[in-house]
C-alpha atoms as a PDB file:
ATOM      1  CA  MET A   1       0.000   0.000   0.000  1.00  0.00           C
ATOM      2  CA  GLY A   2       2.822   2.375   0.866  1.00  0.00           C
ATOM      3  CA  ALA A   3       4.581   1.654  -2.424  1.00  0.00           C
ATOM      4  CA  PHE A   4       1.341   2.315  -4.306  1.00  0.00           C
ATOM      5  CA  LEU A   5       0.847   5.660  -2.554  1.00  0.00           C
ATOM      6  CA  GLY A   6       4.451   6.549  -3.279  1.00  0.00           C
ATOM      7  CA  LEU A   7       3.924   5.713  -6.943  1.00  0.00           C
ATOM      8  CA  LEU A   8       0.817   7.891  -7.077  1.00  0.00           C
ATOM      9  CA  PHE A   9       2.703  10.745  -5.427  1.00  0.00           C
ATOM     10  CA  GLY A  10       5.523  10.418  -7.965  1.00  0.00           C
ATOM     11  CA  LEU A  11       3.065  10.397 -10.870  1.00  0.00           C
ATOM     12  CA  GLY A  12       1.405  13.501  -9.459  1.00  0.00           C
ATOM     13  CA  CYS A  13       4.752  15.296  -9.262  1.00  0.00           C
ATOM     14  CA  VAL A  14       5.534  14.329 -12.859  1.00  0.00           C
ATOM     15  CA  ALA A  15       2.102  15.567 -13.984  1.00  0.00           C
ATOM     16  CA  VAL A  16       2.605  18.911 -12.234  1.00  0.00           C
ATOM     17  CA  TYR A  17       6.064  19.283 -13.768  1.00  0.00           C
ATOM     18  CA  ARG A  18       4.784  18.431 -17.245  1.00  0.00           C
ATOM     19  CA  ALA A  19       1.911  20.893 -16.882  1.00  0.00           C
ATOM     20  CA  ARG A  20       4.277  23.714 -15.939  1.00  0.00           C
ATOM     21  CA  THR A  21       6.623  22.738 -18.769  1.00  0.00           C
ATOM     22  CA  VAL A  22       3.836  22.824 -21.348  1.00  0.00           C
ATOM     23  CA  ALA A  23       2.607  26.151 -20.003  1.00  0.00           C
ATOM     24  CA  ALA A  24       6.051  27.642 -20.453  1.00  0.00           C
ATOM     25  CA  THR A  25       7.056  29.324 -23.673  1.00  0.00           C
ATOM     26  CA  PRO A  26       7.942  26.585 -26.140  1.00  0.00           C
ATOM     27  CA  LYS A  27      11.059  26.836 -28.220  1.00  0.00           C
ATOM     28  CA  LYS A  28      10.462  27.200 -31.885  1.00  0.00           C
ATOM     29  CA  ALA A  29      11.170  24.088 -33.888  1.00  0.00           C
ATOM     30  CA  GLY A  30      14.580  24.261 -35.470  1.00  0.00           C
ATOM     31  CA  GLU A  31      15.596  27.317 -33.436  1.00  0.00           C
ATOM     32  CA  SER A  32      19.243  26.988 -32.474  1.00  0.00           C
ATOM     33  CA  TRP A  33      21.185  28.489 -29.592  1.00  0.00           C
ATOM     34  CA  GLN A  34      22.656  31.039 -31.982  1.00  0.00           C
ATOM     35  CA  ASP A  35      19.170  32.152 -33.072  1.00  0.00           C
ATOM     36  CA  ARG A  36      17.943  32.575 -29.492  1.00  0.00           C
ATOM     37  CA  THR A  37      21.098  34.422 -28.451  1.00  0.00           C
ATOM     38  CA  ARG A  38      20.965  36.662 -31.510  1.00  0.00           C
ATOM     39  CA  GLU A  39      17.371  37.628 -30.683  1.00  0.00           C
ATOM     40  CA  LEU A  40      18.378  38.237 -27.059  1.00  0.00           C
ATOM     41  CA  LEU A  41      21.078  40.656 -28.224  1.00  0.00           C
ATOM     42  CA  LEU A  42      18.593  42.424 -30.501  1.00  0.00           C
ATOM     43  CA  GLN A  43      16.080  42.774 -27.691  1.00  0.00           C
ATOM     44  CA  ALA A  44      18.828  44.213 -25.490  1.00  0.00           C
ATOM     45  CA  GLY A  45      19.651  46.780 -28.173  1.00  0.00           C
ATOM     46  CA  ILE A  46      23.230  45.506 -28.512  1.00  0.00           C
ATOM     47  CA  GLU A  47      24.404  45.726 -32.090  1.00  0.00           C
ATOM     48  CA  GLY A  48      27.664  44.478 -33.545  1.00  0.00           C
ATOM     49  CA  VAL A  49      27.991  41.575 -31.072  1.00  0.00           C
ATOM     50  CA  SER A  50      27.538  38.009 -32.308  1.00  0.00           C
ATOM     51  CA  PRO A  51      26.511  34.994 -30.192  1.00  0.00           C
ATOM     52  CA  GLY A  52      30.038  33.629 -30.550  1.00  0.00           C
ATOM     53  CA  GLN A  53      31.507  36.845 -29.175  1.00  0.00           C
ATOM     54  CA  LEU A  54      29.134  36.713 -26.197  1.00  0.00           C
ATOM     55  CA  LEU A  55      30.211  33.125 -25.542  1.00  0.00           C
ATOM     56  CA  GLY A  56      33.864  34.175 -25.806  1.00  0.00           C
ATOM     57  CA  ALA A  57      33.277  36.981 -23.311  1.00  0.00           C
ATOM     58  CA  SER A  58      31.699  34.502 -20.876  1.00  0.00           C
ATOM     59  CA  VAL A  59      34.617  32.084 -21.173  1.00  0.00           C
ATOM     60  CA  THR A  60      37.158  34.908 -20.783  1.00  0.00           C
ATOM     61  CA  ALA A  61      35.415  36.303 -17.708  1.00  0.00           C
ATOM     62  CA  GLY A  62      35.279  32.845 -16.128  1.00  0.00           C
ATOM     63  CA  VAL A  63      38.961  32.120 -16.780  1.00  0.00           C
ATOM     64  CA  VAL A  64      40.110  35.528 -15.497  1.00  0.00           C
ATOM     65  CA  ALA A  65      38.042  35.224 -12.312  1.00  0.00           C
ATOM     66  CA  PHE A  66      39.278  31.667 -11.770  1.00  0.00           C
ATOM     67  CA  VAL A  67      42.925  32.689 -12.089  1.00  0.00           C
ATOM     68  CA  ILE A  68      42.541  35.729  -9.793  1.00  0.00           C
ATOM     69  CA  VAL A  69      40.633  33.919  -7.045  1.00  0.00           C
ATOM     70  CA  LEU A  70      42.872  30.851  -7.251  1.00  0.00           C
ATOM     71  CA  GLY A  71      45.967  33.020  -6.961  1.00  0.00           C
ATOM     72  CA  THR A  72      44.476  34.797  -3.954  1.00  0.00           C
ATOM     73  CA  SER A  73      42.986  31.864  -2.023  1.00  0.00           C
ATOM     74  CA  GLN A  74      45.180  28.982  -3.220  1.00  0.00           C
ATOM     75  CA  VAL A  75      42.042  26.801  -3.089  1.00  0.00           C
ATOM     76  CA  LEU A  76      40.995  25.168  -6.358  1.00  0.00           C
ATOM     77  CA  VAL A  77      37.316  24.682  -5.543  1.00  0.00           C
ATOM     78  CA  ILE A  78      36.874  28.341  -4.559  1.00  0.00           C
ATOM     79  CA  GLY A  79      38.489  29.433  -7.797  1.00  0.00           C
ATOM     80  CA  LEU A  80      36.179  27.154  -9.788  1.00  0.00           C
ATOM     81  CA  ALA A  81      33.133  28.462  -7.926  1.00  0.00           C
ATOM     82  CA  PHE A  82      33.837  32.118  -8.640  1.00  0.00           C
ATOM     83  CA  GLY A  83      34.991  31.292 -12.152  1.00  0.00           C
ATOM     84  CA  GLY A  84      31.564  29.762 -12.753  1.00  0.00           C
ATOM     85  CA  PHE A  85      29.851  32.840 -11.307  1.00  0.00           C
ATOM     86  CA  ALA A  86      31.896  35.155 -13.530  1.00  0.00           C
ATOM     87  CA  SER A  87      31.221  33.080 -16.649  1.00  0.00           C
ATOM     88  CA  VAL A  88      27.488  33.781 -16.454  1.00  0.00           C
ATOM     89  CA  LEU A  89      27.984  37.487 -15.741  1.00  0.00           C
ATOM     90  CA  PRO A  90      27.979  38.663 -19.421  1.00  0.00           C
ATOM     91  CA  LEU A  91      24.761  36.772 -20.156  1.00  0.00           C
ATOM     92  CA  THR A  92      23.196  38.123 -16.968  1.00  0.00           C
ATOM     93  CA  LEU A  93      24.103  41.683 -17.951  1.00  0.00           C
ATOM     94  CA  VAL A  94      22.625  41.192 -21.421  1.00  0.00           C
ATOM     95  CA  ARG A  95      19.388  39.858 -19.948  1.00  0.00           C
ATOM     96  CA  ARG A  96      19.204  42.765 -17.519  1.00  0.00           C
ATOM     97  CA  ARG A  97      19.760  45.182 -20.384  1.00  0.00           C
ATOM     98  CA  ARG A  98      16.966  43.457 -22.294  1.00  0.00           C
ATOM     99  CA  ALA A  99      14.605  43.893 -19.341  1.00  0.00           C
ATOM    100  CA  GLN A 100      15.534  47.580 -19.033  1.00  0.00           C
ATOM    101  CA  ARG A 101      15.074  48.173 -22.750  1.00  0.00           C
ATOM    102  CA  THR A 102      11.712  46.404 -22.702  1.00  0.00           C
ATOM    103  CA  VAL A 103      10.543  48.742 -19.941  1.00  0.00           C
ATOM    104  CA  GLU A 104      11.878  51.781 -21.809  1.00  0.00           C
ATOM    105  CA  LEU A 105      10.136  50.805 -25.048  1.00  0.00           C
ATOM    106  CA  ARG A 106       6.888  50.017 -23.264  1.00  0.00           C
ATOM    107  CA  GLU A 107       6.874  53.534 -21.814  1.00  0.00           C
ATOM    108  CA  VAL A 108       7.549  55.324 -25.124  1.00  0.00           C
ATOM    109  CA  TRP A 109       5.279  53.313 -27.425  1.00  0.00           C
ATOM    110  CA  PRO A 110       2.137  55.315 -26.493  1.00  0.00           C
ATOM    111  CA  GLU A 111       3.955  58.517 -27.462  1.00  0.00           C
ATOM    112  CA  ALA A 112       5.036  56.964 -30.759  1.00  0.00           C
ATOM    113  CA  VAL A 113       1.469  55.874 -31.544  1.00  0.00           C
ATOM    114  CA  ASP A 114       0.208  59.366 -30.673  1.00  0.00           C
ATOM    115  CA  ASN A 115       2.728  60.801 -33.141  1.00  0.00           C
ATOM    116  CA  LEU A 116       1.488  58.389 -35.786  1.00  0.00           C
ATOM    117  CA  ALA A 117      -2.107  59.426 -35.157  1.00  0.00           C
ATOM    118  CA  SER A 118      -1.144  63.113 -35.401  1.00  0.00           C
ATOM    119  CA  GLY A 119       0.675  62.508 -38.684  1.00  0.00           C
ATOM    120  CA  VAL A 120      -2.241  60.614 -40.196  1.00  0.00           C
ATOM    121  CA  ARG A 121      -4.662  63.298 -39.009  1.00  0.00           C
ATOM    122  CA  ALA A 122      -2.426  65.933 -40.666  1.00  0.00           C
ATOM    123  CA  GLY A 123      -2.812  64.178 -44.013  1.00  0.00           C
ATOM    124  CA  LEU A 124       0.356  62.058 -44.163  1.00  0.00           C
ATOM    125  CA  SER A 125       0.179  58.555 -45.566  1.00  0.00           C
ATOM    126  CA  LEU A 126       0.934  55.699 -43.213  1.00  0.00           C
ATOM    127  CA  PRO A 127       4.463  55.048 -44.612  1.00  0.00           C
ATOM    128  CA  GLU A 128       5.254  58.769 -44.383  1.00  0.00           C
ATOM    129  CA  ALA A 129       4.000  58.945 -40.800  1.00  0.00           C
ATOM    130  CA  LEU A 130       6.147  55.940 -39.866  1.00  0.00           C
ATOM    131  CA  THR A 131       9.167  57.504 -41.545  1.00  0.00           C
ATOM    132  CA  GLN A 132       8.644  60.723 -39.570  1.00  0.00           C
ATOM    133  CA  LEU A 133       9.091  58.741 -36.341  1.00  0.00           C
ATOM    134  CA  GLY A 134      12.732  58.355 -37.307  1.00  0.00           C
ATOM    135  CA  VAL A 135      13.083  62.126 -36.913  1.00  0.00           C
ATOM    136  CA  ARG A 136      10.427  63.262 -34.430  1.00  0.00           C
ATOM    137  CA  GLY A 137       9.596  60.085 -32.571  1.00  0.00           C
ATOM    138  CA  PRO A 138      10.889  58.944 -29.158  1.00  0.00           C
ATOM    139  CA  GLU A 139      14.678  58.752 -28.999  1.00  0.00           C
ATOM    140  CA  GLN A 140      14.736  55.006 -28.266  1.00  0.00           C
ATOM    141  CA  LEU A 141      12.720  54.201 -31.414  1.00  0.00           C
ATOM    142  CA  ARG A 142      14.309  56.599 -33.887  1.00  0.00           C
ATOM    143  CA  PRO A 143      17.077  54.286 -35.222  1.00  0.00           C
ATOM    144  CA  ALA A 144      14.615  51.499 -36.118  1.00  0.00           C
ATOM    145  CA  PHE A 145      12.159  53.858 -37.845  1.00  0.00           C
ATOM    146  CA  ARG A 146      15.004  55.658 -39.585  1.00  0.00           C
ATOM    147  CA  ARG A 147      16.073  52.335 -41.085  1.00  0.00           C
ATOM    148  CA  PHE A 148      12.442  51.671 -42.015  1.00  0.00           C
ATOM    149  CA  GLY A 149      12.307  54.960 -43.918  1.00  0.00           C
ATOM    150  CA  GLU A 150      15.521  54.195 -45.774  1.00  0.00           C
ATOM    151  CA  ASP A 151      14.329  50.697 -46.635  1.00  0.00           C
ATOM    152  CA  TYR A 152      10.902  51.863 -47.817  1.00  0.00           C
ATOM    153  CA  ARG A 153      12.378  54.601 -49.999  1.00  0.00           C
ATOM    154  CA  ALA A 154      14.769  52.061 -51.535  1.00  0.00           C
ATOM    155  CA  THR A 155      12.241  49.286 -52.218  1.00  0.00           C
ATOM    156  CA  GLY A 156       8.759  50.849 -52.066  1.00  0.00           C
ATOM    157  CA  ARG A 157       7.467  47.593 -50.515  1.00  0.00           C
ATOM    158  CA  PHE A 158       5.536  48.460 -47.380  1.00  0.00           C
ATOM    159  CA  ALA A 159       4.884  44.896 -46.135  1.00  0.00           C
ATOM    160  CA  GLU A 160       8.511  43.806 -46.423  1.00  0.00           C
ATOM    161  CA  SER A 161       9.699  47.018 -44.789  1.00  0.00           C
ATOM    162  CA  LEU A 162       7.332  46.344 -41.879  1.00  0.00           C
ATOM    163  CA  ASP A 163       8.787  42.847 -41.505  1.00  0.00           C
ATOM    164  CA  ARG A 164      12.293  44.270 -41.281  1.00  0.00           C
ATOM    165  CA  LEU A 165      11.053  46.894 -38.830  1.00  0.00           C
ATOM    166  CA  LYS A 166       9.733  44.150 -36.563  1.00  0.00           C
ATOM    167  CA  ALA A 167      13.059  42.329 -36.767  1.00  0.00           C
ATOM    168  CA  ASN A 168      14.966  45.497 -35.855  1.00  0.00           C
ATOM    169  CA  LEU A 169      12.688  46.323 -32.939  1.00  0.00           C
ATOM    170  CA  ALA A 170      12.546  42.729 -31.578  1.00  0.00           C
ATOM    171  CA  ASP A 171       9.856  43.893 -29.160  1.00  0.00           C
ATOM    172  CA  PRO A 172       6.476  42.233 -28.423  1.00  0.00           C
ATOM    173  CA  VAL A 173       4.692  45.594 -28.171  1.00  0.00           C
ATOM    174  CA  GLY A 174       6.284  46.619 -31.453  1.00  0.00           C
ATOM    175  CA  ASP A 175       5.011  43.410 -33.051  1.00  0.00           C
ATOM    176  CA  ARG A 176       1.453  44.265 -32.037  1.00  0.00           C
ATOM    177  CA  VAL A 177       1.735  47.840 -33.291  1.00  0.00           C
ATOM    178  CA  VAL A 178       3.243  46.759 -36.612  1.00  0.00           C
ATOM    179  CA  GLU A 179       0.600  44.099 -37.213  1.00  0.00           C
ATOM    180  CA  ALA A 180      -2.184  46.559 -36.369  1.00  0.00           C
ATOM    181  CA  LEU A 181      -0.737  48.993 -38.896  1.00  0.00           C
ATOM    182  CA  ARG A 182      -0.399  46.249 -41.483  1.00  0.00           C
ATOM    183  CA  MET A 183      -4.037  45.266 -41.036  1.00  0.00           C
ATOM    184  CA  ALA A 184      -5.162  48.895 -41.235  1.00  0.00           C
ATOM    185  CA  ARG A 185      -3.148  49.337 -44.424  1.00  0.00           C
ATOM    186  CA  GLU A 186      -4.557  46.206 -46.071  1.00  0.00           C
ATOM    187  CA  VAL A 187      -8.188  46.690 -45.013  1.00  0.00           C
ATOM    188  CA  GLY A 188      -8.234  50.441 -45.580  1.00  0.00           C
ATOM    189  CA  GLY A 189     -11.072  52.667 -44.395  1.00  0.00           C
ATOM    190  CA  THR A 190     -11.277  55.850 -42.379  1.00  0.00           C
ATOM    191  CA  ASP A 191     -10.909  54.331 -38.892  1.00  0.00           C
ATOM    192  CA  LEU A 192      -7.103  54.393 -38.750  1.00  0.00           C
ATOM    193  CA  GLY A 193      -7.065  57.446 -36.458  1.00  0.00           C
ATOM    194  CA  ARG A 194      -9.538  55.831 -34.077  1.00  0.00           C
ATOM    195  CA  LEU A 195      -7.532  52.602 -34.122  1.00  0.00           C
ATOM    196  CA  LEU A 196      -4.326  54.426 -33.240  1.00  0.00           C
ATOM    197  CA  ARG A 197      -5.957  56.379 -30.403  1.00  0.00           C
ATOM    198  CA  THR A 198      -7.443  53.193 -28.948  1.00  0.00           C
ATOM    199  CA  LEU A 199      -4.109  51.409 -29.240  1.00  0.00           C
ATOM    200  CA  SER A 200      -2.329  54.307 -27.525  1.00  0.00           C
ATOM    201  CA  THR A 201      -4.780  54.242 -24.616  1.00  0.00           C
ATOM    202  CA  PHE A 202      -4.398  50.491 -24.207  1.00  0.00           C
ATOM    203  CA  LEU A 203      -0.595  50.631 -24.290  1.00  0.00           C
ATOM    204  CA  ARG A 204      -0.501  53.467 -21.763  1.00  0.00           C
ATOM    205  CA  GLU A 205      -2.753  51.598 -19.304  1.00  0.00           C
ATOM    206  CA  ASP A 206      -0.756  48.401 -19.733  1.00  0.00           C
ATOM    207  CA  ALA A 207       2.552  50.214 -19.103  1.00  0.00           C
ATOM    208  CA  ARG A 208       1.155  51.911 -15.981  1.00  0.00           C
ATOM    209  CA  THR A 209      -0.152  48.648 -14.515  1.00  0.00           C
ATOM    210  CA  ARG A 210       3.063  46.751 -15.166  1.00  0.00           C
ATOM    211  CA  ALA A 211       5.180  49.587 -13.729  1.00  0.00           C
ATOM    212  CA  GLU A 212       3.165  49.486 -10.490  1.00  0.00           C
ATOM    213  CA  LEU A 213       3.647  45.730 -10.182  1.00  0.00           C
ATOM    214  CA  GLN A 214       7.378  45.954 -10.852  1.00  0.00           C
ATOM    215  CA  THR A 215       7.786  48.722  -8.269  1.00  0.00           C
ATOM    216  CA  ARG A 216       5.998  46.710  -5.607  1.00  0.00           C
ATOM    217  CA  GLN A 217       8.048  43.584  -6.167  1.00  0.00           C
ATOM    218  CA  GLY A 218      11.381  45.366  -6.697  1.00  0.00           C
ATOM    219  CA  TRP A 219      12.279  45.683  -3.005  1.00  0.00           C
ATOM    220  CA  THR A 220      11.466  42.042  -2.292  1.00  0.00           C
ATOM    221  CA  VAL A 221      13.476  40.731  -5.233  1.00  0.00           C
ATOM    222  CA  ASN A 222      16.502  42.889  -4.440  1.00  0.00           C
ATOM    223  CA  ALA A 223      16.422  41.833  -0.785  1.00  0.00           C
ATOM    224  CA  ALA A 224      16.285  38.171  -1.827  1.00  0.00           C
ATOM    225  CA  ARG A 225      19.253  38.632  -4.157  1.00  0.00           C
ATOM    226  CA  LEU A 226      21.260  40.340  -1.437  1.00  0.00           C
ATOM    227  CA  ALA A 227      20.495  37.545   1.045  1.00  0.00           C
ATOM    228  CA  LEU A 228      21.535  34.953  -1.526  1.00  0.00           C
ATOM    229  CA  SER A 229      24.796  36.659  -2.472  1.00  0.00           C
ATOM    230  CA  ALA A 230      25.873  37.588   1.071  1.00  0.00           C
ATOM    231  CA  PRO A 231      27.514  34.206   1.945  1.00  0.00           C
ATOM    232  CA  TRP A 232      29.478  34.193  -1.317  1.00  0.00           C
ATOM    233  CA  ILE A 233      30.623  37.789  -0.840  1.00  0.00           C
ATOM    234  CA  LEU A 234      31.821  36.803   2.638  1.00  0.00           C
ATOM    235  CA  LEU A 235      33.642  33.806   1.173  1.00  0.00           C
ATOM    236  CA  LEU A 236      35.309  36.057  -1.408  1.00  0.00           C
ATOM    237  CA  LEU A 237      36.510  38.367   1.358  1.00  0.00           C
ATOM    238  CA  LEU A 238      37.793  35.436   3.391  1.00  0.00           C
ATOM    239  CA  SER A 239      39.659  34.078   0.376  1.00  0.00           C
ATOM    240  CA  THR A 240      42.193  36.897   0.786  1.00  0.00           C
ATOM    241  CA  GLN A 241      43.356  35.112   3.954  1.00  0.00           C
ATOM    242  CA  PRO A 242      44.580  31.600   3.065  1.00  0.00           C
ATOM    243  CA  SER A 243      44.523  30.523   6.690  1.00  0.00           C
ATOM    244  CA  ALA A 244      40.804  31.300   6.929  1.00  0.00           C
ATOM    245  CA  VAL A 245      39.895  29.173   3.887  1.00  0.00           C
ATOM    246  CA  ALA A 246      42.281  26.288   4.474  1.00  0.00           C
ATOM    247  CA  ALA A 247      39.341  24.094   5.504  1.00  0.00           C
ATOM    248  CA  TYR A 248      37.848  24.366   2.013  1.00  0.00           C
ATOM    249  CA  ASN A 249      40.985  22.747   0.581  1.00  0.00           C
ATOM    250  CA  GLN A 250      39.832  19.463   2.105  1.00  0.00           C
ATOM    251  CA  PRO A 251      37.299  17.037   0.548  1.00  0.00           C
ATOM    252  CA  ALA A 252      34.699  17.936   3.168  1.00  0.00           C
ATOM    253  CA  GLY A 253      35.136  21.623   2.418  1.00  0.00           C
ATOM    254  CA  ALA A 254      34.714  20.993  -1.295  1.00  0.00           C
ATOM    255  CA  VAL A 255      31.486  19.113  -0.596  1.00  0.00           C
ATOM    256  CA  VAL A 256      30.216  22.028   1.499  1.00  0.00           C
ATOM    257  CA  LEU A 257      30.896  24.459  -1.342  1.00  0.00           C
ATOM    258  CA  LEU A 258      29.295  22.197  -3.939  1.00  0.00           C
ATOM    259  CA  VAL A 259      26.185  21.688  -1.821  1.00  0.00           C
ATOM    260  CA  GLY A 260      26.036  25.403  -1.028  1.00  0.00           C
ATOM    261  CA  GLY A 261      26.373  26.266  -4.710  1.00  0.00           C
ATOM    262  CA  GLY A 262      23.584  23.845  -5.625  1.00  0.00           C
ATOM    263  CA  VAL A 263      21.287  25.183  -2.901  1.00  0.00           C
ATOM    264  CA  SER A 264      22.026  28.767  -3.967  1.00  0.00           C
ATOM    265  CA  PHE A 265      21.237  27.949  -7.600  1.00  0.00           C
ATOM    266  CA  VAL A 266      17.969  26.194  -6.758  1.00  0.00           C
ATOM    267  CA  ALA A 267      16.928  28.966  -4.343  1.00  0.00           C
ATOM    268  CA  TYR A 268      17.707  31.624  -6.947  1.00  0.00           C
ATOM    269  CA  ARG A 269      15.685  29.871  -9.628  1.00  0.00           C
ATOM    270  CA  ILE A 270      12.745  29.440  -7.238  1.00  0.00           C
ATOM    271  CA  MET A 271      12.961  33.124  -6.294  1.00  0.00           C
ATOM    272  CA  LEU A 272      12.915  34.132  -9.956  1.00  0.00           C
ATOM    273  CA  ARG A 273       9.957  31.842 -10.663  1.00  0.00           C
ATOM    274  CA  ILE A 274       7.936  33.215  -7.746  1.00  0.00           C
ATOM    275  CA  ALA A 275       8.728  36.875  -8.533  1.00  0.00           C
ATOM    276  CA  LYS A 276       8.377  36.567 -12.305  1.00  0.00           C
ATOM    277  CA  LEU A 277       5.704  38.666 -13.964  1.00  0.00           C
ATOM    278  CA  PRO A 278       3.992  37.304 -17.079  1.00  0.00           C
ATOM    279  CA  ASN A 279       6.171  38.245 -20.033  1.00  0.00           C
ATOM    280  CA  GLU A 280       4.740  39.265 -23.361  1.00  0.00           C
ATOM    281  CA  ARG A 281       5.642  36.741 -26.017  1.00  0.00           C
ATOM    282  CA  ARG A 282       6.555  37.587 -29.563  1.00  0.00           C
ATOM    283  CA  VAL A 283       3.714  35.552 -31.054  1.00  0.00           C
ATOM    284  CA  LEU A 284       3.342  37.906 -34.049  1.00  0.00           C
ATOM    285  CA  ARG A 285       6.944  37.922 -35.251  1.00  0.00           C
END
């Protein structure tokens, strides 16, 4: 009976895990690591850096940190631990930059849509109004719309220029705006101004709600990160005194560091999962 209950409990855990896995954002079929990293760099607004260069920066940071900490502490396992931490630092910085850029774009999109509505109301065509955003639009969006204007003047193909605009923006809100404009262009009619005003109102309310949620959770998340990093910062300070870290040069000390690293990783992932807000997915790219 006990074995049967244990089996049922295990099946329940597997079902819960599978449900959460299916609910997560699926990877596109055939999408490689290079494709995902390239899109991450685009979303972070980092141009001129390839996925291979990001990987090289991670490896370099890990090796440099390993050599410095090993030379200071004379303990191999401590050097490996901080080398591993340093190796993920470039990717962490890129992801943080992506989050910051997403917030920045979400705040300026209503202004950009208002500018579009003003241009259309003044008698400009939709391509001309989009091109004007490269000059008079929000500063964060000007480079992408400037490239759109150059591309449209060179080809005269509005749909293909919109596709390249979406690729340059790499932003879920931008995908929605571009697809709304594409539909308005194809369907035609006199409701484009009303559509743009409605879209601007919706984007502004969405940005305000998300900003309130992020502000409320910011203190909790930062406090959790500080509590998680405090033991490792203390260990780094102690590593400057070889006599204080001599115990970690023993097998038992290595086990303590490995277990502590595993617990820290699991706790950090759980903290991120609990504090994570629903992210907008690029379903219209």
